[in-house]
Structure formats: structure tokens, C-alpha cells
N, C-alpha and C. Protein backbone atom coordinates (compact mmCIF):
# COMPACT_ATOMS: atom_id res chain seq x y z
N MET A 1 26.12 -2.21 6.95
CA MET A 1 25.50 -2.75 5.76
C MET A 1 26.61 -3.04 4.75
N SER A 2 26.61 -4.21 4.18
CA SER A 2 27.64 -4.59 3.21
C SER A 2 27.35 -4.00 1.84
N ALA A 3 28.34 -4.06 0.99
CA ALA A 3 28.20 -3.53 -0.37
C ALA A 3 27.19 -4.32 -1.18
N THR A 4 26.87 -5.54 -0.76
CA THR A 4 25.93 -6.38 -1.50
C THR A 4 24.54 -6.38 -0.88
N ALA A 5 24.30 -5.50 0.06
CA ALA A 5 22.99 -5.45 0.71
C ALA A 5 21.91 -5.07 -0.30
N ALA A 6 20.75 -5.64 -0.09
CA ALA A 6 19.61 -5.35 -0.96
C ALA A 6 18.57 -4.57 -0.17
N ILE A 7 17.83 -3.77 -0.88
CA ILE A 7 16.72 -3.04 -0.28
C ILE A 7 15.44 -3.73 -0.73
N VAL A 8 14.63 -4.11 0.23
CA VAL A 8 13.39 -4.83 -0.06
C VAL A 8 12.21 -3.97 0.36
N CYS A 9 11.28 -3.82 -0.56
CA CYS A 9 10.08 -3.03 -0.28
C CYS A 9 8.96 -3.97 0.17
N ARG A 10 8.30 -3.59 1.25
CA ARG A 10 7.11 -4.31 1.70
C ARG A 10 5.94 -3.35 1.69
N CYS A 11 4.85 -3.78 1.13
CA CYS A 11 3.64 -2.97 1.12
C CYS A 11 2.84 -3.26 2.39
N LEU A 12 2.49 -2.22 3.12
CA LEU A 12 1.73 -2.36 4.36
C LEU A 12 0.26 -2.01 4.17
N LEU A 13 -0.15 -1.78 2.93
CA LEU A 13 -1.52 -1.40 2.65
C LEU A 13 -2.51 -2.41 3.21
N GLN A 14 -2.26 -3.70 3.00
CA GLN A 14 -3.19 -4.71 3.49
C GLN A 14 -3.34 -4.65 5.01
N ASP A 15 -2.22 -4.51 5.71
CA ASP A 15 -2.28 -4.44 7.17
C ASP A 15 -3.09 -3.24 7.64
N ILE A 16 -2.86 -2.10 7.02
CA ILE A 16 -3.57 -0.88 7.41
C ILE A 16 -5.05 -1.00 7.06
N ARG A 17 -5.33 -1.49 5.87
CA ARG A 17 -6.73 -1.67 5.44
C ARG A 17 -7.48 -2.57 6.40
N LYS A 18 -6.88 -3.70 6.74
CA LYS A 18 -7.54 -4.64 7.65
C LYS A 18 -7.70 -4.05 9.04
N SER A 19 -6.72 -3.26 9.49
CA SER A 19 -6.83 -2.65 10.82
C SER A 19 -7.97 -1.64 10.87
N ARG A 20 -8.38 -1.14 9.71
CA ARG A 20 -9.50 -0.21 9.63
C ARG A 20 -10.82 -0.95 9.42
N GLY A 21 -10.75 -2.28 9.33
CA GLY A 21 -11.95 -3.09 9.17
C GLY A 21 -12.54 -3.05 7.78
N LEU A 22 -11.71 -2.81 6.77
CA LEU A 22 -12.19 -2.70 5.39
C LEU A 22 -11.77 -3.91 4.57
N THR A 23 -12.64 -4.32 3.67
CA THR A 23 -12.28 -5.32 2.67
C THR A 23 -11.62 -4.60 1.50
N GLN A 24 -11.01 -5.36 0.62
CA GLN A 24 -10.45 -4.76 -0.59
C GLN A 24 -11.55 -4.06 -1.39
N GLN A 25 -12.70 -4.69 -1.49
CA GLN A 25 -13.81 -4.11 -2.25
C GLN A 25 -14.28 -2.80 -1.63
N GLN A 26 -14.39 -2.75 -0.31
CA GLN A 26 -14.84 -1.53 0.35
C GLN A 26 -13.86 -0.38 0.11
N LEU A 27 -12.57 -0.67 0.25
CA LEU A 27 -11.57 0.38 0.00
C LEU A 27 -11.62 0.80 -1.46
N ALA A 28 -11.71 -0.16 -2.36
CA ALA A 28 -11.77 0.15 -3.79
C ALA A 28 -12.95 1.06 -4.10
N ASP A 29 -14.11 0.76 -3.53
CA ASP A 29 -15.30 1.59 -3.76
C ASP A 29 -15.09 3.00 -3.24
N ARG A 30 -14.45 3.12 -2.10
CA ARG A 30 -14.25 4.44 -1.48
C ARG A 30 -13.27 5.32 -2.26
N VAL A 31 -12.31 4.69 -2.94
CA VAL A 31 -11.30 5.48 -3.65
C VAL A 31 -11.47 5.44 -5.17
N GLY A 32 -12.54 4.79 -5.64
CA GLY A 32 -12.84 4.78 -7.08
C GLY A 32 -11.92 3.89 -7.89
N MET A 33 -11.57 2.76 -7.33
CA MET A 33 -10.72 1.79 -8.03
C MET A 33 -11.42 0.44 -8.03
N THR A 34 -10.78 -0.54 -8.65
CA THR A 34 -11.33 -1.88 -8.63
C THR A 34 -10.66 -2.68 -7.50
N LYS A 35 -11.34 -3.73 -7.10
CA LYS A 35 -10.78 -4.62 -6.08
C LYS A 35 -9.46 -5.21 -6.56
N SER A 36 -9.38 -5.56 -7.83
CA SER A 36 -8.15 -6.16 -8.36
C SER A 36 -6.98 -5.17 -8.32
N THR A 37 -7.26 -3.89 -8.50
CA THR A 37 -6.20 -2.88 -8.42
C THR A 37 -5.66 -2.81 -6.99
N ILE A 38 -6.55 -2.82 -6.01
CA ILE A 38 -6.12 -2.80 -4.61
C ILE A 38 -5.27 -4.04 -4.33
N SER A 39 -5.71 -5.19 -4.81
CA SER A 39 -4.96 -6.43 -4.63
C SER A 39 -3.58 -6.33 -5.29
N ASP A 40 -3.52 -5.77 -6.49
CA ASP A 40 -2.24 -5.60 -7.18
C ASP A 40 -1.29 -4.73 -6.37
N TYR A 41 -1.79 -3.67 -5.77
CA TYR A 41 -0.95 -2.81 -4.94
C TYR A 41 -0.48 -3.55 -3.69
N GLU A 42 -1.39 -4.27 -3.06
CA GLU A 42 -1.03 -4.99 -1.83
C GLU A 42 0.02 -6.07 -2.07
N ASN A 43 -0.01 -6.67 -3.24
CA ASN A 43 0.92 -7.75 -3.57
C ASN A 43 2.12 -7.29 -4.40
N LEU A 44 2.29 -5.97 -4.48
CA LEU A 44 3.42 -5.35 -5.18
C LEU A 44 3.54 -5.76 -6.64
N ARG A 45 2.40 -6.08 -7.25
CA ARG A 45 2.41 -6.29 -8.70
C ARG A 45 2.56 -4.95 -9.40
N TYR A 46 2.08 -3.91 -8.74
CA TYR A 46 2.25 -2.54 -9.21
C TYR A 46 2.62 -1.68 -8.01
N ILE A 47 3.39 -0.63 -8.25
CA ILE A 47 3.70 0.37 -7.24
C ILE A 47 2.81 1.57 -7.52
N MET A 48 2.20 2.09 -6.47
CA MET A 48 1.29 3.22 -6.64
C MET A 48 2.03 4.50 -7.04
N LEU A 49 1.41 5.26 -7.91
CA LEU A 49 1.87 6.62 -8.14
C LEU A 49 1.65 7.40 -6.85
N VAL A 50 2.41 8.46 -6.66
CA VAL A 50 2.26 9.26 -5.44
C VAL A 50 0.84 9.80 -5.34
N SER A 51 0.26 10.22 -6.44
CA SER A 51 -1.10 10.76 -6.42
C SER A 51 -2.11 9.69 -5.98
N THR A 52 -1.90 8.46 -6.40
CA THR A 52 -2.78 7.35 -5.99
C THR A 52 -2.57 7.03 -4.51
N ALA A 53 -1.31 6.98 -4.09
CA ALA A 53 -1.00 6.70 -2.69
C ALA A 53 -1.61 7.76 -1.79
N LYS A 54 -1.64 9.01 -2.23
CA LYS A 54 -2.22 10.10 -1.44
C LYS A 54 -3.71 9.87 -1.24
N VAL A 55 -4.42 9.49 -2.30
CA VAL A 55 -5.86 9.23 -2.22
C VAL A 55 -6.13 8.09 -1.23
N ILE A 56 -5.35 7.01 -1.35
CA ILE A 56 -5.54 5.86 -0.47
C ILE A 56 -5.17 6.21 0.96
N ALA A 57 -4.05 6.88 1.15
CA ALA A 57 -3.62 7.27 2.50
C ALA A 57 -4.65 8.19 3.15
N ASP A 58 -5.19 9.12 2.40
CA ASP A 58 -6.21 10.01 2.95
C ASP A 58 -7.44 9.22 3.39
N GLU A 59 -7.85 8.26 2.59
CA GLU A 59 -9.02 7.44 2.93
C GLU A 59 -8.76 6.59 4.18
N LEU A 60 -7.53 6.13 4.33
CA LEU A 60 -7.17 5.29 5.47
C LEU A 60 -6.68 6.10 6.67
N ASN A 61 -6.68 7.42 6.50
CA ASN A 61 -6.25 8.32 7.58
C ASN A 61 -4.84 7.99 8.06
N CYS A 62 -3.93 7.88 7.08
CA CYS A 62 -2.52 7.64 7.40
C CYS A 62 -1.66 8.45 6.44
N ARG A 63 -0.36 8.35 6.59
CA ARG A 63 0.56 9.05 5.70
C ARG A 63 0.96 8.12 4.56
N ILE A 64 1.38 8.69 3.46
CA ILE A 64 1.87 7.89 2.34
C ILE A 64 3.02 7.00 2.81
N ASP A 65 3.90 7.54 3.63
CA ASP A 65 5.04 6.77 4.14
C ASP A 65 4.61 5.52 4.90
N ASP A 66 3.41 5.54 5.47
CA ASP A 66 2.93 4.40 6.24
C ASP A 66 2.56 3.21 5.35
N LEU A 67 2.38 3.45 4.05
CA LEU A 67 1.92 2.39 3.15
C LEU A 67 3.02 1.42 2.74
N TYR A 68 4.29 1.83 2.89
CA TYR A 68 5.41 1.00 2.49
C TYR A 68 6.47 0.96 3.59
N ALA A 69 7.17 -0.15 3.66
CA ALA A 69 8.33 -0.27 4.54
C ALA A 69 9.52 -0.70 3.69
N TRP A 70 10.67 -0.14 3.97
CA TRP A 70 11.88 -0.47 3.24
C TRP A 70 12.82 -1.17 4.18
N ASP A 71 13.19 -2.40 3.86
CA ASP A 71 14.07 -3.20 4.70
C ASP A 71 15.40 -3.39 3.97
N TYR A 72 16.47 -3.37 4.73
CA TYR A 72 17.80 -3.61 4.18
C TYR A 72 18.23 -5.01 4.56
N GLU A 73 18.60 -5.78 3.57
CA GLU A 73 19.02 -7.16 3.84
C GLU A 73 20.47 -7.33 3.49
């Protein structure tokens, strides 16, 4: 990795949510959030607090680490 490499965060929430057969609205209802909040997280307009990520990960039966991928460019 060069000294100018960048770290890029990708949110995998949408992929996991869809693999569970849930819409944004269904997930939002299950975790007590709005559909727009779920969309904001999926599109990285906001980064989830750990406490929020835990609630979502628990609902999706995955680990918090599964919600994000870090790529080095």
C-alpha cells in the first residue's frame, strides 16, 4: 500500500437487508426508525453510532462488522 492510499468505507446494510427480504420501511419499523434514516445509513449520508448499529445488526441477525466494508485504494 502506498503512502497516498485511501481508505474507502462501503455500507453493506442494503445488501444484508435485501438478502433478508426486507424493505427499508420494514426494517425501519422493526428497529423504531424512519425509512429515510435507513436510507441515509445505506447511502453513507450518516454513519451509525455503535449503539444504533447494534440494534440493526441484532435485527438482521448479523455482526456490526458485517454492516461495513473498508477498502484500501
